[in-house]
Amino acid sequence: MKDEDIVARIQKNPKFVKFVNLRNNYSYLLTALMMIAYFGFILLVAFNKQFLATKVAAGAVMSVGIPIGIGVLVFTIVITAIYVRRANSEFDDMKNVIVKEASR
């Protein structure tokens, strides 16, 4: 069977369309969450420097901006790990079923 035939069979499979929509919607959701976190922090830097400069506690050296910035970085790592875990399990399983069906 030619590769072009397999590709055409995959693209016609309703499971493939469902798979692509599910994966894309999930990616869009995680991207939106990341953009909100990142641009929210940038907007704080731009428009509310006083809040970010507030000390964590009386006599403390660290300002509120440091833990928030670290939180954005940690959130990035966590959200990436969430996507990778789902991609390596659920999405790969769905893909394998679709390719197997098309290869028959």
N, C-alpha and C. Protein backbone atom coordinates (compact mmCIF):
# COMPACT_ATOMS: atom_id res chain seq x y z
N MET A 1 0.84 -1.18 0.00
CA MET A 1 0.00 0.00 0.00
C MET A 1 0.89 1.24 0.00
N LYS A 2 0.54 2.19 -0.84
CA LYS A 2 1.33 3.42 -0.94
C LYS A 2 1.10 4.32 0.26
N ASP A 3 2.11 5.11 0.55
CA ASP A 3 2.00 6.06 1.66
C ASP A 3 0.88 7.07 1.42
N GLU A 4 0.70 7.47 0.15
CA GLU A 4 -0.35 8.43 -0.17
C GLU A 4 -1.73 7.85 0.14
N ASP A 5 -1.90 6.55 -0.12
CA ASP A 5 -3.18 5.89 0.18
C ASP A 5 -3.44 5.88 1.67
N ILE A 6 -2.40 5.59 2.45
CA ILE A 6 -2.55 5.56 3.90
C ILE A 6 -2.90 6.94 4.43
N VAL A 7 -2.23 7.95 3.91
CA VAL A 7 -2.50 9.32 4.34
C VAL A 7 -3.95 9.70 4.02
N ALA A 8 -4.40 9.36 2.84
CA ALA A 8 -5.78 9.68 2.45
C ALA A 8 -6.78 8.95 3.34
N ARG A 9 -6.50 7.70 3.67
CA ARG A 9 -7.40 6.93 4.54
C ARG A 9 -7.42 7.51 5.96
N ILE A 10 -6.26 7.96 6.41
CA ILE A 10 -6.20 8.58 7.75
C ILE A 10 -7.02 9.86 7.78
N GLN A 11 -6.86 10.68 6.77
CA GLN A 11 -7.56 11.97 6.73
C GLN A 11 -9.07 11.81 6.62
N LYS A 12 -9.54 10.72 6.04
CA LYS A 12 -10.98 10.47 5.91
C LYS A 12 -11.58 9.83 7.16
N ASN A 13 -10.75 9.33 8.05
CA ASN A 13 -11.21 8.64 9.24
C ASN A 13 -11.83 9.64 10.22
N PRO A 14 -13.09 9.41 10.66
CA PRO A 14 -13.71 10.33 11.61
C PRO A 14 -12.96 10.39 12.96
N LYS A 15 -12.27 9.32 13.31
CA LYS A 15 -11.49 9.33 14.53
C LYS A 15 -10.33 10.32 14.42
N PHE A 16 -9.79 10.45 13.21
CA PHE A 16 -8.69 11.39 12.99
C PHE A 16 -9.17 12.83 13.18
N VAL A 17 -10.33 13.13 12.63
CA VAL A 17 -10.89 14.48 12.76
C VAL A 17 -11.14 14.79 14.24
N LYS A 18 -11.70 13.82 14.96
CA LYS A 18 -11.94 14.00 16.39
C LYS A 18 -10.62 14.19 17.13
N PHE A 19 -9.62 13.39 16.78
CA PHE A 19 -8.29 13.47 17.39
C PHE A 19 -7.67 14.85 17.19
N VAL A 20 -7.70 15.33 15.96
CA VAL A 20 -7.10 16.63 15.65
C VAL A 20 -7.82 17.74 16.41
N ASN A 21 -9.15 17.69 16.44
CA ASN A 21 -9.91 18.72 17.16
C ASN A 21 -9.61 18.67 18.66
N LEU A 22 -9.57 17.48 19.23
CA LEU A 22 -9.27 17.34 20.65
C LEU A 22 -7.88 17.88 20.99
N ARG A 23 -6.91 17.47 20.19
CA ARG A 23 -5.53 17.92 20.44
C ARG A 23 -5.39 19.43 20.26
N ASN A 24 -6.00 19.96 19.22
CA ASN A 24 -5.91 21.40 18.98
C ASN A 24 -6.59 22.21 20.08
N ASN A 25 -7.79 21.78 20.49
CA ASN A 25 -8.50 22.50 21.55
C ASN A 25 -7.71 22.46 22.86
N TYR A 26 -7.12 21.33 23.15
CA TYR A 26 -6.30 21.21 24.36
C TYR A 26 -5.08 22.13 24.29
N SER A 27 -4.45 22.16 23.14
CA SER A 27 -3.29 23.04 22.94
C SER A 27 -3.69 24.51 23.07
N TYR A 28 -4.83 24.87 22.50
CA TYR A 28 -5.29 26.25 22.59
C TYR A 28 -5.58 26.65 24.03
N LEU A 29 -6.19 25.74 24.79
CA LEU A 29 -6.49 26.01 26.19
C LEU A 29 -5.21 26.25 26.99
N LEU A 30 -4.25 25.36 26.84
CA LEU A 30 -3.00 25.51 27.59
C LEU A 30 -2.23 26.76 27.14
N THR A 31 -2.29 27.06 25.85
CA THR A 31 -1.63 28.27 25.34
C THR A 31 -2.28 29.51 25.93
N ALA A 32 -3.61 29.53 25.98
CA ALA A 32 -4.32 30.68 26.56
C ALA A 32 -3.95 30.85 28.03
N LEU A 33 -3.89 29.76 28.78
CA LEU A 33 -3.51 29.85 30.19
C LEU A 33 -2.09 30.41 30.34
N MET A 34 -1.20 29.95 29.49
CA MET A 34 0.18 30.42 29.56
C MET A 34 0.28 31.90 29.20
N MET A 35 -0.46 32.31 28.18
CA MET A 35 -0.43 33.72 27.77
C MET A 35 -1.00 34.62 28.87
N ILE A 36 -2.06 34.16 29.53
CA ILE A 36 -2.64 34.94 30.62
C ILE A 36 -1.62 35.11 31.75
N ALA A 37 -0.95 34.01 32.10
CA ALA A 37 0.05 34.09 33.17
C ALA A 37 1.21 35.01 32.77
N TYR A 38 1.75 34.80 31.58
CA TYR A 38 2.91 35.57 31.14
C TYR A 38 2.57 37.05 30.96
N PHE A 39 1.54 37.33 30.17
CA PHE A 39 1.21 38.72 29.90
C PHE A 39 0.64 39.41 31.14
N GLY A 40 0.00 38.64 32.02
CA GLY A 40 -0.44 39.22 33.28
C GLY A 40 0.75 39.72 34.09
N PHE A 41 1.81 38.94 34.13
CA PHE A 41 3.02 39.36 34.83
C PHE A 41 3.64 40.58 34.16
N ILE A 42 3.72 40.55 32.84
CA ILE A 42 4.29 41.69 32.10
C ILE A 42 3.46 42.96 32.34
N LEU A 43 2.14 42.82 32.36
CA LEU A 43 1.28 43.98 32.62
C LEU A 43 1.47 44.50 34.04
N LEU A 44 1.70 43.59 35.00
CA LEU A 44 2.02 44.04 36.35
C LEU A 44 3.32 44.84 36.37
N VAL A 45 4.30 44.36 35.66
CA VAL A 45 5.58 45.07 35.58
C VAL A 45 5.39 46.45 34.96
N ALA A 46 4.56 46.52 33.93
CA ALA A 46 4.37 47.78 33.22
C ALA A 46 3.51 48.78 33.99
N PHE A 47 2.46 48.28 34.65
CA PHE A 47 1.47 49.21 35.21
C PHE A 47 1.34 49.21 36.73
N ASN A 48 1.97 48.27 37.43
CA ASN A 48 1.83 48.25 38.89
C ASN A 48 3.15 47.88 39.55
N LYS A 49 4.15 48.67 39.26
CA LYS A 49 5.48 48.42 39.84
C LYS A 49 5.46 48.54 41.36
N GLN A 50 4.60 49.39 41.88
CA GLN A 50 4.54 49.56 43.33
C GLN A 50 4.14 48.24 44.02
N PHE A 51 3.17 47.53 43.45
CA PHE A 51 2.76 46.25 44.03
C PHE A 51 3.90 45.24 43.99
N LEU A 52 4.58 45.15 42.85
CA LEU A 52 5.69 44.20 42.72
C LEU A 52 6.85 44.56 43.63
N ALA A 53 7.00 45.83 43.95
CA ALA A 53 8.10 46.26 44.81
C ALA A 53 7.78 46.11 46.30
N THR A 54 6.53 45.77 46.62
CA THR A 54 6.14 45.59 48.02
C THR A 54 6.93 44.44 48.64
N LYS A 55 7.44 44.67 49.83
CA LYS A 55 8.22 43.64 50.53
C LYS A 55 7.29 42.50 50.96
N VAL A 56 7.82 41.28 50.95
CA VAL A 56 7.04 40.10 51.33
C VAL A 56 6.63 40.19 52.80
N ALA A 57 7.54 40.63 53.64
CA ALA A 57 7.26 40.80 55.07
C ALA A 57 8.05 42.00 55.57
N ALA A 58 7.70 42.49 56.74
CA ALA A 58 8.41 43.62 57.31
C ALA A 58 9.87 43.25 57.53
N GLY A 59 10.77 44.06 57.04
CA GLY A 59 12.20 43.81 57.18
C GLY A 59 12.74 42.80 56.19
N ALA A 60 11.90 42.29 55.33
CA ALA A 60 12.35 41.29 54.34
C ALA A 60 13.07 41.99 53.20
N VAL A 61 13.96 41.26 52.58
CA VAL A 61 14.71 41.78 51.44
C VAL A 61 13.96 41.52 50.14
N MET A 62 13.21 40.44 50.10
CA MET A 62 12.54 40.02 48.86
C MET A 62 11.22 40.77 48.67
N SER A 63 11.00 41.18 47.41
CA SER A 63 9.73 41.83 47.08
C SER A 63 8.75 40.80 46.52
N VAL A 64 7.51 41.19 46.41
CA VAL A 64 6.45 40.32 45.91
C VAL A 64 6.72 39.87 44.47
N GLY A 65 7.40 40.69 43.70
CA GLY A 65 7.66 40.38 42.29
C GLY A 65 8.49 39.12 42.09
N ILE A 66 9.40 38.84 43.01
CA ILE A 66 10.27 37.66 42.86
C ILE A 66 9.46 36.36 42.92
N PRO A 67 8.65 36.12 43.94
CA PRO A 67 7.88 34.88 43.94
C PRO A 67 6.86 34.79 42.80
N ILE A 68 6.30 35.92 42.41
CA ILE A 68 5.37 35.89 41.28
C ILE A 68 6.11 35.51 40.00
N GLY A 69 7.28 36.09 39.77
CA GLY A 69 8.08 35.74 38.59
C GLY A 69 8.48 34.28 38.60
N ILE A 70 8.90 33.78 39.75
CA ILE A 70 9.25 32.36 39.86
C ILE A 70 8.01 31.50 39.64
N GLY A 71 6.87 31.97 40.11
CA GLY A 71 5.61 31.25 39.90
C GLY A 71 5.27 31.12 38.43
N VAL A 72 5.52 32.18 37.66
CA VAL A 72 5.28 32.12 36.21
C VAL A 72 6.19 31.07 35.57
N LEU A 73 7.45 31.03 35.98
CA LEU A 73 8.37 30.03 35.44
C LEU A 73 7.94 28.61 35.81
N VAL A 74 7.57 28.42 37.06
CA VAL A 74 7.13 27.10 37.51
C VAL A 74 5.85 26.70 36.78
N PHE A 75 4.93 27.64 36.61
CA PHE A 75 3.69 27.38 35.88
C PHE A 75 3.99 26.93 34.45
N THR A 76 4.98 27.55 33.82
CA THR A 76 5.38 27.16 32.46
C THR A 76 5.85 25.71 32.44
N ILE A 77 6.66 25.34 33.39
CA ILE A 77 7.18 23.97 33.45
C ILE A 77 6.04 22.98 33.72
N VAL A 78 5.15 23.32 34.63
CA VAL A 78 4.04 22.43 34.97
C VAL A 78 3.09 22.25 33.78
N ILE A 79 2.75 23.33 33.13
CA ILE A 79 1.82 23.25 32.00
C ILE A 79 2.44 22.47 30.84
N THR A 80 3.74 22.60 30.65
CA THR A 80 4.44 21.81 29.63
C THR A 80 4.42 20.33 29.99
N ALA A 81 4.67 20.03 31.24
CA ALA A 81 4.65 18.63 31.69
C ALA A 81 3.27 18.02 31.55
N ILE A 82 2.24 18.79 31.82
CA ILE A 82 0.87 18.30 31.67
C ILE A 82 0.60 17.95 30.21
N TYR A 83 1.00 18.83 29.29
CA TYR A 83 0.78 18.55 27.87
C TYR A 83 1.57 17.34 27.42
N VAL A 84 2.83 17.26 27.79
CA VAL A 84 3.68 16.15 27.37
C VAL A 84 3.13 14.82 27.89
N ARG A 85 2.69 14.82 29.13
CA ARG A 85 2.14 13.58 29.70
C ARG A 85 0.91 13.12 28.92
N ARG A 86 0.00 14.04 28.62
CA ARG A 86 -1.20 13.66 27.87
C ARG A 86 -0.85 13.28 26.44
N ALA A 87 0.10 13.99 25.83
CA ALA A 87 0.50 13.68 24.46
C ALA A 87 1.15 12.31 24.38
N ASN A 88 1.95 11.96 25.36
CA ASN A 88 2.65 10.68 25.34
C ASN A 88 1.76 9.50 25.72
N SER A 89 0.61 9.76 26.28
CA SER A 89 -0.28 8.65 26.64
C SER A 89 -1.51 8.66 25.75
N GLU A 90 -2.45 9.52 26.05
CA GLU A 90 -3.73 9.52 25.35
C GLU A 90 -3.60 9.84 23.86
N PHE A 91 -2.88 10.90 23.52
CA PHE A 91 -2.79 11.30 22.11
C PHE A 91 -2.02 10.26 21.29
N ASP A 92 -0.95 9.73 21.84
CA ASP A 92 -0.20 8.70 21.11
C ASP A 92 -1.03 7.43 20.92
N ASP A 93 -1.80 7.05 21.93
CA ASP A 93 -2.66 5.87 21.80
C ASP A 93 -3.70 6.08 20.71
N MET A 94 -4.32 7.25 20.69
CA MET A 94 -5.32 7.55 19.66
C MET A 94 -4.67 7.54 18.28
N LYS A 95 -3.50 8.11 18.16
CA LYS A 95 -2.80 8.14 16.87
C LYS A 95 -2.48 6.74 16.40
N ASN A 96 -2.01 5.90 17.31
CA ASN A 96 -1.64 4.54 16.93
C ASN A 96 -2.84 3.75 16.43
N VAL A 97 -4.00 3.93 17.06
CA VAL A 97 -5.22 3.25 16.61
C VAL A 97 -5.60 3.72 15.22
N ILE A 98 -5.53 5.01 14.97
CA ILE A 98 -5.90 5.56 13.66
C ILE A 98 -4.96 5.05 12.58
N VAL A 99 -3.66 5.05 12.84
CA VAL A 99 -2.69 4.57 11.84
C VAL A 99 -2.87 3.08 11.60
N LYS A 100 -3.13 2.33 12.64
CA LYS A 100 -3.33 0.89 12.50
C LYS A 100 -4.55 0.58 11.63
N GLU A 101 -5.63 1.33 11.86
CA GLU A 101 -6.84 1.14 11.05
C GLU A 101 -6.58 1.49 9.59
N ALA A 102 -5.81 2.52 9.34
CA ALA A 102 -5.55 2.95 7.96
C ALA A 102 -4.60 2.01 7.24
N SER A 103 -3.77 1.30 7.99
CA SER A 103 -2.77 0.43 7.39
C SER A 103 -3.32 -0.94 7.00
N ARG A 104 -4.54 -1.25 7.41
CA ARG A 104 -5.13 -2.56 7.09
C ARG A 104 -5.41 -2.69 5.62
